[in-house]
Amino acid sequence: MDTKKFVYQLSVVEFVTVSKEFCAFLEVCEKHTIKSFVAACNKLLPFLYYKATLLPSTTPVLDERNEQFVTEFDYKTVENKVEALLGQHNDFLEIHDQRAEDSYGQFTASIAEYLADIYQDLKNLSLRYMTGNSEVMNDALWECSESFRDFWGIRTVNLIRAFHILNFGNVELDNVENKSNTSEPDTSEWFITKRQQDIDHTPLE
């Protein structure tokens, strides 16, 4: 298998790019207002899920698993930032989780926890891609794809539902205090922004 050719396919590079932007977004989420954060998640999460479904299949080539870069401290930092930003809106009713089946179809989940779960896999992928080692990159992509299928993919779907309700469900978001810097970050250079601009300027046939 030519791992160098595989890891630089367009669909792979685009997924890694979106993953990197998603992680960077969460790392500075305290710069958002709750409204801008919810609005951004409404765009990023569906796009991330879509890009993950386009990934080509691969198989691992290394004998050992790749190094895990994301520490428990990194995970908790992201989780705590999101939880502080969303306040009482962090919890949502989960309906597609094994724990829900044990609770007669209902389970209260944490948006912050789910986002941190996704962050952990995507940040590890992004950092492994920075090594420039095509075999490490290949196995990182395989591991991320497997995790998408079995773990963080369904979490992404559930978060899309949760953020849709927050954004369009007449939820009062102004009553959450956010003492952090509330200036909205510049997203003009985001990959998703540029792709949306391309779509907006594409003439209809």
N, C-alpha and C. Protein backbone atom coordinates (compact mmCIF):
# COMPACT_ATOMS: atom_id res chain seq x y z
N MET A 1 0.84 -1.20 0.00
CA MET A 1 0.00 0.00 0.00
C MET A 1 0.88 1.26 0.00
N ASP A 2 0.57 2.18 -0.89
CA ASP A 2 1.30 3.44 -0.96
C ASP A 2 0.67 4.43 0.03
N THR A 3 1.20 4.44 1.26
CA THR A 3 0.61 5.28 2.30
C THR A 3 0.77 6.77 1.99
N LYS A 4 1.87 7.12 1.32
CA LYS A 4 2.09 8.54 1.00
C LYS A 4 1.01 9.06 0.07
N LYS A 5 0.64 8.25 -0.90
CA LYS A 5 -0.42 8.66 -1.82
C LYS A 5 -1.76 8.70 -1.12
N PHE A 6 -2.00 7.75 -0.24
CA PHE A 6 -3.29 7.65 0.44
C PHE A 6 -3.55 8.84 1.37
N VAL A 7 -2.56 9.18 2.20
CA VAL A 7 -2.80 10.18 3.25
C VAL A 7 -2.92 11.59 2.70
N TYR A 8 -2.58 11.78 1.42
CA TYR A 8 -2.70 13.11 0.83
C TYR A 8 -3.81 13.19 -0.21
N GLN A 9 -4.73 12.23 -0.20
CA GLN A 9 -5.91 12.33 -1.05
C GLN A 9 -6.73 13.55 -0.62
N LEU A 10 -7.44 14.14 -1.56
CA LEU A 10 -8.18 15.36 -1.28
C LEU A 10 -9.18 15.19 -0.14
N SER A 11 -9.95 14.11 -0.16
CA SER A 11 -10.97 13.91 0.88
C SER A 11 -10.32 13.76 2.25
N VAL A 12 -9.13 13.16 2.30
CA VAL A 12 -8.42 12.98 3.56
C VAL A 12 -7.88 14.32 4.07
N VAL A 13 -7.25 15.07 3.19
CA VAL A 13 -6.68 16.36 3.56
C VAL A 13 -7.78 17.31 4.03
N GLU A 14 -8.91 17.30 3.35
CA GLU A 14 -10.01 18.18 3.74
C GLU A 14 -10.54 17.79 5.12
N PHE A 15 -10.66 16.49 5.39
CA PHE A 15 -11.13 16.05 6.70
C PHE A 15 -10.16 16.47 7.80
N VAL A 16 -8.89 16.29 7.56
CA VAL A 16 -7.88 16.67 8.55
C VAL A 16 -7.92 18.18 8.78
N THR A 17 -8.13 18.94 7.72
CA THR A 17 -8.21 20.40 7.84
C THR A 17 -9.40 20.83 8.68
N VAL A 18 -10.55 20.23 8.42
CA VAL A 18 -11.75 20.54 9.20
C VAL A 18 -11.57 20.11 10.65
N SER A 19 -10.94 18.96 10.86
CA SER A 19 -10.68 18.48 12.21
C SER A 19 -9.80 19.45 12.98
N LYS A 20 -8.76 19.94 12.32
CA LYS A 20 -7.86 20.90 12.95
C LYS A 20 -8.59 22.18 13.34
N GLU A 21 -9.45 22.66 12.46
CA GLU A 21 -10.21 23.88 12.75
C GLU A 21 -11.21 23.66 13.87
N PHE A 22 -11.83 22.49 13.89
CA PHE A 22 -12.77 22.16 14.95
C PHE A 22 -12.08 22.17 16.31
N CYS A 23 -10.90 21.57 16.38
CA CYS A 23 -10.15 21.53 17.64
C CYS A 23 -9.72 22.93 18.07
N ALA A 24 -9.24 23.72 17.12
CA ALA A 24 -8.82 25.09 17.43
C ALA A 24 -10.01 25.92 17.92
N PHE A 25 -11.15 25.70 17.34
CA PHE A 25 -12.39 26.38 17.74
C PHE A 25 -12.73 26.08 19.20
N LEU A 26 -12.66 24.80 19.58
CA LEU A 26 -12.99 24.42 20.95
C LEU A 26 -11.96 24.95 21.94
N GLU A 27 -10.71 25.01 21.53
CA GLU A 27 -9.65 25.44 22.43
C GLU A 27 -9.77 26.90 22.83
N VAL A 28 -10.46 27.70 22.01
CA VAL A 28 -10.64 29.12 22.33
C VAL A 28 -12.12 29.47 22.43
N CYS A 29 -12.94 28.50 22.81
CA CYS A 29 -14.39 28.73 22.82
C CYS A 29 -14.79 29.81 23.82
N GLU A 30 -13.93 30.09 24.80
CA GLU A 30 -14.27 31.14 25.76
C GLU A 30 -14.31 32.52 25.12
N LYS A 31 -13.80 32.66 23.91
CA LYS A 31 -13.85 33.93 23.20
C LYS A 31 -15.21 34.16 22.54
N HIS A 32 -16.04 33.14 22.57
CA HIS A 32 -17.37 33.23 21.98
C HIS A 32 -18.40 33.67 23.01
N THR A 33 -19.46 34.27 22.53
CA THR A 33 -20.68 34.36 23.32
C THR A 33 -21.37 33.01 23.16
N ILE A 34 -22.33 32.74 24.02
CA ILE A 34 -23.03 31.46 23.90
C ILE A 34 -23.77 31.37 22.57
N LYS A 35 -24.31 32.51 22.11
CA LYS A 35 -25.05 32.50 20.85
C LYS A 35 -24.13 32.22 19.67
N SER A 36 -22.96 32.85 19.65
CA SER A 36 -22.05 32.63 18.54
C SER A 36 -21.47 31.21 18.58
N PHE A 37 -21.29 30.68 19.78
CA PHE A 37 -20.79 29.31 19.92
C PHE A 37 -21.81 28.32 19.39
N VAL A 38 -23.06 28.49 19.77
CA VAL A 38 -24.13 27.60 19.30
C VAL A 38 -24.27 27.69 17.79
N ALA A 39 -24.24 28.91 17.27
CA ALA A 39 -24.35 29.09 15.82
C ALA A 39 -23.20 28.42 15.07
N ALA A 40 -21.98 28.55 15.61
CA ALA A 40 -20.82 27.93 14.97
C ALA A 40 -20.91 26.42 15.00
N CYS A 41 -21.35 25.85 16.11
CA CYS A 41 -21.49 24.40 16.21
C CYS A 41 -22.53 23.87 15.25
N ASN A 42 -23.57 24.67 15.00
CA ASN A 42 -24.59 24.27 14.03
C ASN A 42 -24.02 24.12 12.63
N LYS A 43 -22.94 24.83 12.35
CA LYS A 43 -22.29 24.74 11.03
C LYS A 43 -21.18 23.69 11.02
N LEU A 44 -20.35 23.72 12.06
CA LEU A 44 -19.17 22.86 12.07
C LEU A 44 -19.50 21.38 12.21
N LEU A 45 -20.41 21.04 13.10
CA LEU A 45 -20.67 19.63 13.38
C LEU A 45 -21.24 18.86 12.18
N PRO A 46 -22.25 19.40 11.47
CA PRO A 46 -22.72 18.67 10.28
C PRO A 46 -21.65 18.55 9.21
N PHE A 47 -20.84 19.61 9.05
CA PHE A 47 -19.79 19.59 8.04
C PHE A 47 -18.73 18.56 8.41
N LEU A 48 -18.38 18.49 9.68
CA LEU A 48 -17.42 17.52 10.15
C LEU A 48 -17.92 16.10 9.91
N TYR A 49 -19.18 15.86 10.23
CA TYR A 49 -19.76 14.53 10.03
C TYR A 49 -19.75 14.15 8.55
N TYR A 50 -20.14 15.10 7.72
CA TYR A 50 -20.16 14.86 6.27
C TYR A 50 -18.78 14.50 5.75
N LYS A 51 -17.76 15.26 6.16
CA LYS A 51 -16.41 14.99 5.69
C LYS A 51 -15.91 13.63 6.18
N ALA A 52 -16.33 13.23 7.37
CA ALA A 52 -15.91 11.92 7.90
C ALA A 52 -16.50 10.78 7.08
N THR A 53 -17.72 10.96 6.56
CA THR A 53 -18.35 9.91 5.76
C THR A 53 -17.68 9.74 4.40
N LEU A 54 -16.89 10.71 3.97
CA LEU A 54 -16.23 10.64 2.67
C LEU A 54 -14.84 10.03 2.74
N LEU A 55 -14.38 9.69 3.93
CA LEU A 55 -13.04 9.16 4.08
C LEU A 55 -12.92 7.79 3.41
N PRO A 56 -11.86 7.57 2.65
CA PRO A 56 -11.63 6.25 2.06
C PRO A 56 -11.19 5.27 3.14
N SER A 57 -11.42 4.00 2.92
CA SER A 57 -11.03 2.99 3.90
C SER A 57 -9.55 2.67 3.80
N THR A 58 -8.99 2.30 4.93
CA THR A 58 -7.58 1.91 4.98
C THR A 58 -7.41 0.87 6.06
N THR A 59 -6.22 0.33 6.17
CA THR A 59 -5.89 -0.64 7.20
C THR A 59 -4.58 -0.22 7.86
N PRO A 60 -4.37 -0.58 9.12
CA PRO A 60 -3.14 -0.19 9.81
C PRO A 60 -1.93 -0.91 9.22
N VAL A 61 -0.79 -0.23 9.24
CA VAL A 61 0.44 -0.81 8.71
C VAL A 61 1.52 -0.96 9.77
N LEU A 62 1.35 -0.32 10.90
CA LEU A 62 2.34 -0.40 11.98
C LEU A 62 1.95 -1.51 12.98
N ASP A 63 2.95 -2.06 13.64
CA ASP A 63 2.71 -3.14 14.59
C ASP A 63 2.11 -2.64 15.90
N GLU A 64 2.41 -1.39 16.27
CA GLU A 64 1.92 -0.84 17.52
C GLU A 64 1.01 0.35 17.25
N ARG A 65 0.14 0.64 18.20
CA ARG A 65 -0.75 1.78 18.07
C ARG A 65 0.03 3.08 18.18
N ASN A 66 -0.50 4.12 17.56
CA ASN A 66 0.13 5.42 17.60
C ASN A 66 0.10 6.03 19.00
N GLU A 67 1.01 6.95 19.21
CA GLU A 67 1.08 7.67 20.48
C GLU A 67 -0.17 8.52 20.68
N GLN A 68 -0.64 8.56 21.93
CA GLN A 68 -1.78 9.40 22.29
C GLN A 68 -1.25 10.75 22.78
N PHE A 69 -1.54 11.79 22.05
CA PHE A 69 -1.03 13.11 22.39
C PHE A 69 -1.90 13.85 23.40
N VAL A 70 -3.21 13.66 23.31
CA VAL A 70 -4.14 14.40 24.17
C VAL A 70 -4.12 13.82 25.57
N THR A 71 -3.83 14.66 26.54
CA THR A 71 -3.78 14.23 27.94
C THR A 71 -5.14 14.43 28.60
N GLU A 72 -5.28 13.89 29.79
CA GLU A 72 -6.51 14.09 30.55
C GLU A 72 -6.71 15.58 30.85
N PHE A 73 -5.61 16.28 31.09
CA PHE A 73 -5.70 17.72 31.35
C PHE A 73 -6.24 18.45 30.13
N ASP A 74 -5.76 18.09 28.93
CA ASP A 74 -6.25 18.71 27.70
C ASP A 74 -7.76 18.47 27.54
N TYR A 75 -8.15 17.23 27.78
CA TYR A 75 -9.56 16.85 27.66
C TYR A 75 -10.42 17.66 28.63
N LYS A 76 -10.01 17.70 29.89
CA LYS A 76 -10.81 18.39 30.91
C LYS A 76 -10.83 19.90 30.68
N THR A 77 -9.76 20.44 30.12
CA THR A 77 -9.73 21.88 29.84
C THR A 77 -10.81 22.24 28.83
N VAL A 78 -10.90 21.47 27.77
CA VAL A 78 -11.93 21.72 26.75
C VAL A 78 -13.32 21.51 27.35
N GLU A 79 -13.48 20.42 28.06
CA GLU A 79 -14.79 20.11 28.65
C GLU A 79 -15.23 21.22 29.60
N ASN A 80 -14.33 21.69 30.46
CA ASN A 80 -14.67 22.73 31.43
C ASN A 80 -15.00 24.06 30.76
N LYS A 81 -14.27 24.39 29.69
CA LYS A 81 -14.54 25.65 28.99
C LYS A 81 -15.94 25.64 28.38
N VAL A 82 -16.28 24.54 27.74
CA VAL A 82 -17.60 24.46 27.10
C VAL A 82 -18.70 24.46 28.14
N GLU A 83 -18.50 23.71 29.22
CA GLU A 83 -19.50 23.65 30.26
C GLU A 83 -19.73 25.02 30.91
N ALA A 84 -18.65 25.76 31.12
CA ALA A 84 -18.77 27.10 31.70
C ALA A 84 -19.51 28.04 30.76
N LEU A 85 -19.28 27.89 29.47
CA LEU A 85 -19.91 28.77 28.49
C LEU A 85 -21.40 28.49 28.36
N LEU A 86 -21.78 27.21 28.35
CA LEU A 86 -23.18 26.84 28.13
C LEU A 86 -24.02 26.90 29.40
N GLY A 87 -23.38 26.78 30.56
CA GLY A 87 -24.12 26.85 31.81
C GLY A 87 -25.19 25.79 31.89
N GLN A 88 -26.41 26.21 32.22
CA GLN A 88 -27.52 25.27 32.39
C GLN A 88 -27.97 24.63 31.08
N HIS A 89 -27.48 25.15 29.95
CA HIS A 89 -27.85 24.58 28.66
C HIS A 89 -26.91 23.45 28.23
N ASN A 90 -25.98 23.09 29.10
CA ASN A 90 -25.02 22.04 28.74
C ASN A 90 -25.66 20.66 28.67
N ASP A 91 -26.63 20.40 29.53
CA ASP A 91 -27.26 19.08 29.57
C ASP A 91 -28.36 18.98 28.51
N PHE A 92 -28.44 17.80 27.90
CA PHE A 92 -29.51 17.57 26.92
C PHE A 92 -29.99 16.13 27.04
N LEU A 93 -31.20 15.89 26.54
CA LEU A 93 -31.80 14.57 26.63
C LEU A 93 -31.27 13.69 25.52
N GLU A 94 -30.58 12.63 25.90
CA GLU A 94 -29.98 11.70 24.95
C GLU A 94 -30.97 10.56 24.68
N ILE A 95 -31.10 10.18 23.42
CA ILE A 95 -32.03 9.10 23.09
C ILE A 95 -31.37 7.98 22.29
N HIS A 96 -30.08 8.15 21.93
CA HIS A 96 -29.39 7.13 21.16
C HIS A 96 -28.09 6.75 21.86
N ASP A 97 -28.21 6.25 23.07
CA ASP A 97 -27.06 5.87 23.86
C ASP A 97 -27.41 4.60 24.61
N GLN A 98 -26.44 3.72 24.80
CA GLN A 98 -26.68 2.47 25.52
C GLN A 98 -27.24 2.74 26.90
N ARG A 99 -26.76 3.83 27.51
CA ARG A 99 -27.24 4.18 28.85
C ARG A 99 -28.69 4.59 28.83
N ALA A 100 -29.16 5.09 27.67
CA ALA A 100 -30.57 5.47 27.56
C ALA A 100 -31.46 4.24 27.63
N GLU A 101 -31.01 3.14 27.04
CA GLU A 101 -31.79 1.91 27.07
C GLU A 101 -31.94 1.39 28.50
N ASP A 102 -30.95 1.65 29.32
CA ASP A 102 -31.01 1.23 30.72
C ASP A 102 -31.86 2.18 31.56
N SER A 103 -32.23 3.31 30.96
CA SER A 103 -33.03 4.31 31.69
C SER A 103 -34.39 4.50 31.03
N TYR A 104 -34.89 3.44 30.43
CA TYR A 104 -36.20 3.46 29.78
C TYR A 104 -36.28 4.51 28.68
N GLY A 105 -35.19 4.61 27.89
CA GLY A 105 -35.21 5.46 26.71
C GLY A 105 -34.78 6.88 26.91
N GLN A 106 -34.42 7.28 28.14
CA GLN A 106 -34.01 8.64 28.39
C GLN A 106 -32.72 8.67 29.20
N PHE A 107 -31.84 9.58 28.81
CA PHE A 107 -30.56 9.73 29.52
C PHE A 107 -30.08 11.16 29.31
N THR A 108 -29.73 11.83 30.40
CA THR A 108 -29.23 13.20 30.30
C THR A 108 -27.75 13.17 30.05
N ALA A 109 -27.35 13.75 28.92
CA ALA A 109 -25.94 13.77 28.53
C ALA A 109 -25.40 15.19 28.59
N SER A 110 -24.08 15.30 28.49
CA SER A 110 -23.40 16.59 28.57
C SER A 110 -22.83 16.96 27.22
N ILE A 111 -23.21 18.13 26.72
CA ILE A 111 -22.65 18.62 25.47
C ILE A 111 -21.14 18.77 25.59
N ALA A 112 -20.69 19.31 26.71
CA ALA A 112 -19.25 19.52 26.92
C ALA A 112 -18.49 18.21 26.88
N GLU A 113 -19.03 17.17 27.50
CA GLU A 113 -18.37 15.87 27.51
C GLU A 113 -18.29 15.28 26.10
N TYR A 114 -19.39 15.37 25.36
CA TYR A 114 -19.42 14.83 24.00
C TYR A 114 -18.45 15.57 23.09
N LEU A 115 -18.41 16.89 23.21
CA LEU A 115 -17.48 17.66 22.39
C LEU A 115 -16.04 17.32 22.75
N ALA A 116 -15.76 17.13 24.03
CA ALA A 116 -14.41 16.76 24.45
C ALA A 116 -14.03 15.37 23.94
N ASP A 117 -15.01 14.47 23.88
CA ASP A 117 -14.76 13.14 23.33
C ASP A 117 -14.33 13.24 21.86
N ILE A 118 -15.06 14.02 21.10
CA ILE A 118 -14.74 14.20 19.69
C ILE A 118 -13.39 14.91 19.54
N TYR A 119 -13.19 15.93 20.35
CA TYR A 119 -11.94 16.68 20.34
C TYR A 119 -10.75 15.76 20.53
N GLN A 120 -10.85 14.85 21.47
CA GLN A 120 -9.74 13.96 21.80
C GLN A 120 -9.28 13.16 20.57
N ASP A 121 -10.24 12.58 19.85
CA ASP A 121 -9.89 11.79 18.66
C ASP A 121 -9.33 12.66 17.54
N LEU A 122 -9.96 13.80 17.32
CA LEU A 122 -9.55 14.65 16.20
C LEU A 122 -8.24 15.37 16.48
N LYS A 123 -8.00 15.72 17.73
CA LYS A 123 -6.73 16.38 18.08
C LYS A 123 -5.57 15.39 17.93
N ASN A 124 -5.78 14.16 18.36
CA ASN A 124 -4.75 13.14 18.18
C ASN A 124 -4.45 12.94 16.70
N LEU A 125 -5.49 12.91 15.88
CA LEU A 125 -5.30 12.78 14.44
C LEU A 125 -4.50 13.95 13.89
N SER A 126 -4.88 15.16 14.25
CA SER A 126 -4.21 16.36 13.75
C SER A 126 -2.73 16.38 14.12
N LEU A 127 -2.42 16.04 15.35
CA LEU A 127 -1.04 16.06 15.81
C LEU A 127 -0.21 14.96 15.16
N ARG A 128 -0.82 13.84 14.90
CA ARG A 128 -0.11 12.76 14.22
C ARG A 128 0.18 13.12 12.77
N TYR A 129 -0.72 13.89 12.17
CA TYR A 129 -0.48 14.32 10.79
C TYR A 129 0.69 15.30 10.72
N MET A 130 0.94 15.98 11.81
CA MET A 130 2.04 16.95 11.82
C MET A 130 3.40 16.25 11.85
N THR A 131 3.43 14.95 12.13
CA THR A 131 4.71 14.25 12.14
C THR A 131 5.30 14.11 10.75
N GLY A 132 4.44 14.11 9.72
CA GLY A 132 4.91 13.94 8.35
C GLY A 132 5.26 12.51 7.99
N ASN A 133 5.08 11.59 8.92
CA ASN A 133 5.34 10.17 8.68
C ASN A 133 4.08 9.54 8.10
N SER A 134 4.12 9.10 6.85
CA SER A 134 2.92 8.63 6.17
C SER A 134 2.33 7.39 6.82
N GLU A 135 3.17 6.54 7.41
CA GLU A 135 2.65 5.35 8.07
C GLU A 135 1.91 5.72 9.36
N VAL A 136 2.48 6.64 10.11
CA VAL A 136 1.81 7.14 11.31
C VAL A 136 0.50 7.83 10.93
N MET A 137 0.53 8.61 9.88
CA MET A 137 -0.66 9.32 9.41
C MET A 137 -1.73 8.34 8.95
N ASN A 138 -1.33 7.32 8.24
CA ASN A 138 -2.27 6.30 7.77
C ASN A 138 -2.98 5.61 8.93
N ASP A 139 -2.18 5.19 9.91
CA ASP A 139 -2.77 4.49 11.05
C ASP A 139 -3.62 5.42 11.91
N ALA A 140 -3.24 6.68 11.96
CA ALA A 140 -4.05 7.67 12.68
C ALA A 140 -5.40 7.83 12.02
N LEU A 141 -5.40 7.85 10.70
CA LEU A 141 -6.66 7.98 9.97
C LEU A 141 -7.52 6.74 10.15
N TRP A 142 -6.89 5.57 10.10
CA TRP A 142 -7.63 4.32 10.32
C TRP A 142 -8.27 4.32 11.71
N GLU A 143 -7.49 4.68 12.72
CA GLU A 143 -8.00 4.70 14.09
C GLU A 143 -9.14 5.69 14.25
N CYS A 144 -8.99 6.86 13.65
CA CYS A 144 -10.04 7.89 13.74
C CYS A 144 -11.30 7.44 13.03
N SER A 145 -11.15 6.79 11.88
CA SER A 145 -12.30 6.30 11.12
C SER A 145 -13.05 5.22 11.89
N GLU A 146 -12.29 4.31 12.52
CA GLU A 146 -12.91 3.26 13.32
C GLU A 146 -13.68 3.85 14.50
N SER A 147 -13.07 4.86 15.13
CA SER A 147 -13.71 5.51 16.26
C SER A 147 -14.96 6.28 15.82
N PHE A 148 -14.90 6.87 14.62
CA PHE A 148 -16.07 7.56 14.09
C PHE A 148 -17.23 6.59 13.93
N ARG A 149 -16.95 5.42 13.40
CA ARG A 149 -17.99 4.42 13.17
C ARG A 149 -18.57 3.90 14.48
N ASP A 150 -17.72 3.70 15.47
CA ASP A 150 -18.15 3.03 16.69
C ASP A 150 -18.45 3.96 17.86
N PHE A 151 -17.95 5.21 17.80
CA PHE A 151 -18.02 6.05 19.00
C PHE A 151 -18.42 7.49 18.72
N TRP A 152 -17.51 8.27 18.12
CA TRP A 152 -17.79 9.71 18.08
C TRP A 152 -18.73 10.11 16.95
N GLY A 153 -18.97 9.24 15.99
CA GLY A 153 -19.92 9.57 14.93
C GLY A 153 -21.33 9.78 15.47
N ILE A 154 -21.80 8.84 16.30
CA ILE A 154 -23.14 8.96 16.87
C ILE A 154 -23.20 10.12 17.86
N ARG A 155 -22.10 10.40 18.52
CA ARG A 155 -22.07 11.56 19.41
C ARG A 155 -22.22 12.85 18.61
N THR A 156 -21.60 12.90 17.44
CA THR A 156 -21.74 14.07 16.58
C THR A 156 -23.19 14.25 16.14
N VAL A 157 -23.83 13.17 15.75
CA VAL A 157 -25.23 13.23 15.35
C VAL A 157 -26.10 13.74 16.49
N ASN A 158 -25.87 13.23 17.68
CA ASN A 158 -26.66 13.65 18.83
C ASN A 158 -26.42 15.12 19.18
N LEU A 159 -25.18 15.56 19.01
CA LEU A 159 -24.88 16.97 19.26
C LEU A 159 -25.53 17.88 18.23
N ILE A 160 -25.59 17.43 17.00
CA ILE A 160 -26.27 18.22 15.96
C ILE A 160 -27.72 18.46 16.38
N ARG A 161 -28.35 17.43 16.88
CA ARG A 161 -29.73 17.55 17.37
C ARG A 161 -29.81 18.52 18.54
N ALA A 162 -28.88 18.38 19.50
CA ALA A 162 -28.90 19.24 20.68
C ALA A 162 -28.68 20.70 20.32
N PHE A 163 -27.74 20.97 19.42
CA PHE A 163 -27.48 22.35 19.02
C PHE A 163 -28.58 22.91 18.14
N HIS A 164 -29.25 22.05 17.38
CA HIS A 164 -30.39 22.51 16.59
C HIS A 164 -31.49 23.03 17.52
N ILE A 165 -31.73 22.31 18.61
CA ILE A 165 -32.74 22.73 19.58
C ILE A 165 -32.35 24.05 20.23
N LEU A 166 -31.07 24.18 20.60
CA LEU A 166 -30.62 25.42 21.22
C LEU A 166 -30.73 26.60 20.26
N ASN A 167 -30.46 26.36 18.98
CA ASN A 167 -30.42 27.44 18.01
C ASN A 167 -31.81 27.81 17.49
N PHE A 168 -32.66 26.81 17.33
CA PHE A 168 -33.96 27.06 16.68
C PHE A 168 -35.16 26.74 17.57
N GLY A 169 -34.93 26.37 18.81
CA GLY A 169 -36.03 25.94 19.67
C GLY A 169 -36.54 27.00 20.62
N ASN A 170 -36.33 28.26 20.29
CA ASN A 170 -36.79 29.36 21.15
C ASN A 170 -36.24 29.25 22.57
N VAL A 171 -35.00 28.80 22.68
CA VAL A 171 -34.34 28.69 23.98
C VAL A 171 -33.74 30.04 24.35
N GLU A 172 -33.98 30.48 25.55
CA GLU A 172 -33.45 31.75 26.03
C GLU A 172 -31.98 31.57 26.40
N LEU A 173 -31.09 32.14 25.59
CA LEU A 173 -29.66 31.97 25.81
C LEU A 173 -29.01 33.17 26.48
N ASP A 174 -29.73 34.26 26.62
CA ASP A 174 -29.13 35.48 27.15
C ASP A 174 -28.93 35.46 28.66
N ASN A 175 -29.51 34.46 29.33
CA ASN A 175 -29.44 34.46 30.79
C ASN A 175 -28.25 33.69 31.32
N VAL A 176 -27.27 33.39 30.46
CA VAL A 176 -26.05 32.72 30.90
C VAL A 176 -24.93 33.74 30.98
N GLU A 177 -24.35 33.88 32.18
CA GLU A 177 -23.27 34.83 32.34
C GLU A 177 -21.98 34.25 31.78
N ASN A 178 -21.28 35.07 31.02
CA ASN A 178 -19.99 34.66 30.47
C ASN A 178 -19.01 35.79 30.71
N LYS A 179 -18.11 35.61 31.67
CA LYS A 179 -17.18 36.66 32.06
C LYS A 179 -15.92 36.68 31.20
N SER A 180 -15.84 35.74 30.24
CA SER A 180 -14.66 35.71 29.38
C SER A 180 -14.77 36.77 28.31
N ASN A 181 -13.72 36.89 27.53
CA ASN A 181 -13.72 37.80 26.39
C ASN A 181 -14.77 37.35 25.40
N THR A 182 -15.77 38.18 25.13
CA THR A 182 -16.89 37.76 24.29
C THR A 182 -16.78 38.25 22.86
N SER A 183 -15.61 38.73 22.46
CA SER A 183 -15.45 39.13 21.07
C SER A 183 -15.41 37.90 20.20
N GLU A 184 -16.13 37.93 19.08
CA GLU A 184 -16.22 36.77 18.23
C GLU A 184 -14.96 36.61 17.40
N PRO A 185 -14.40 35.38 17.34
CA PRO A 185 -13.16 35.16 16.58
C PRO A 185 -13.39 35.31 15.09
N ASP A 186 -12.33 35.67 14.39
CA ASP A 186 -12.39 35.80 12.94
C ASP A 186 -12.41 34.42 12.29
N THR A 187 -13.48 34.10 11.57
CA THR A 187 -13.61 32.80 10.92
C THR A 187 -13.48 32.90 9.41
N SER A 188 -13.00 34.03 8.92
CA SER A 188 -12.94 34.25 7.47
C SER A 188 -11.98 33.30 6.77
N GLU A 189 -10.97 32.82 7.53
CA GLU A 189 -9.98 31.93 6.92
C GLU A 189 -10.27 30.46 7.17
N TRP A 190 -11.39 30.17 7.85
CA TRP A 190 -11.73 28.78 8.08
C TRP A 190 -12.01 28.09 6.75
N PHE A 191 -11.64 26.82 6.68
CA PHE A 191 -11.90 26.02 5.49
C PHE A 191 -13.40 25.98 5.18
N ILE A 192 -14.21 25.78 6.23
CA ILE A 192 -15.66 25.68 6.01
C ILE A 192 -16.22 26.99 5.49
N THR A 193 -15.65 28.12 5.93
CA THR A 193 -16.11 29.42 5.46
C THR A 193 -15.79 29.59 3.98
N LYS A 194 -14.58 29.22 3.59
CA LYS A 194 -14.20 29.35 2.19
C LYS A 194 -15.02 28.44 1.29
N ARG A 195 -15.32 27.23 1.78
CA ARG A 195 -16.13 26.31 1.00
C ARG A 195 -17.54 26.85 0.83
N GLN A 196 -18.07 27.46 1.90
CA GLN A 196 -19.41 28.04 1.82
C GLN A 196 -19.44 29.21 0.84
N GLN A 197 -18.36 30.00 0.81
CA GLN A 197 -18.27 31.11 -0.13
C GLN A 197 -18.23 30.59 -1.57
N ASP A 198 -17.52 29.48 -1.77
CA ASP A 198 -17.47 28.88 -3.11
C ASP A 198 -18.87 28.45 -3.55
N ILE A 199 -19.61 27.83 -2.60
CA ILE A 199 -20.96 27.37 -2.91
C ILE A 199 -21.88 28.54 -3.22
N ASP A 200 -21.76 29.61 -2.41
CA ASP A 200 -22.62 30.77 -2.59
C ASP A 200 -22.40 31.45 -3.92
N HIS A 201 -21.19 31.35 -4.47
CA HIS A 201 -20.86 32.03 -5.71
C HIS A 201 -20.89 31.10 -6.92
N THR A 202 -21.36 29.88 -6.70
CA THR A 202 -21.48 28.94 -7.82
C THR A 202 -22.82 29.15 -8.49
N PRO A 203 -22.86 29.48 -9.80
CA PRO A 203 -24.15 29.71 -10.47
C PRO A 203 -24.98 28.44 -10.57
N LEU A 204 -26.27 28.58 -10.40
CA LEU A 204 -27.18 27.46 -10.53
C LEU A 204 -27.36 27.10 -11.99
N GLU A 205 -27.40 25.81 -12.28
CA GLU A 205 -27.60 25.38 -13.65
C GLU A 205 -29.09 25.35 -13.98
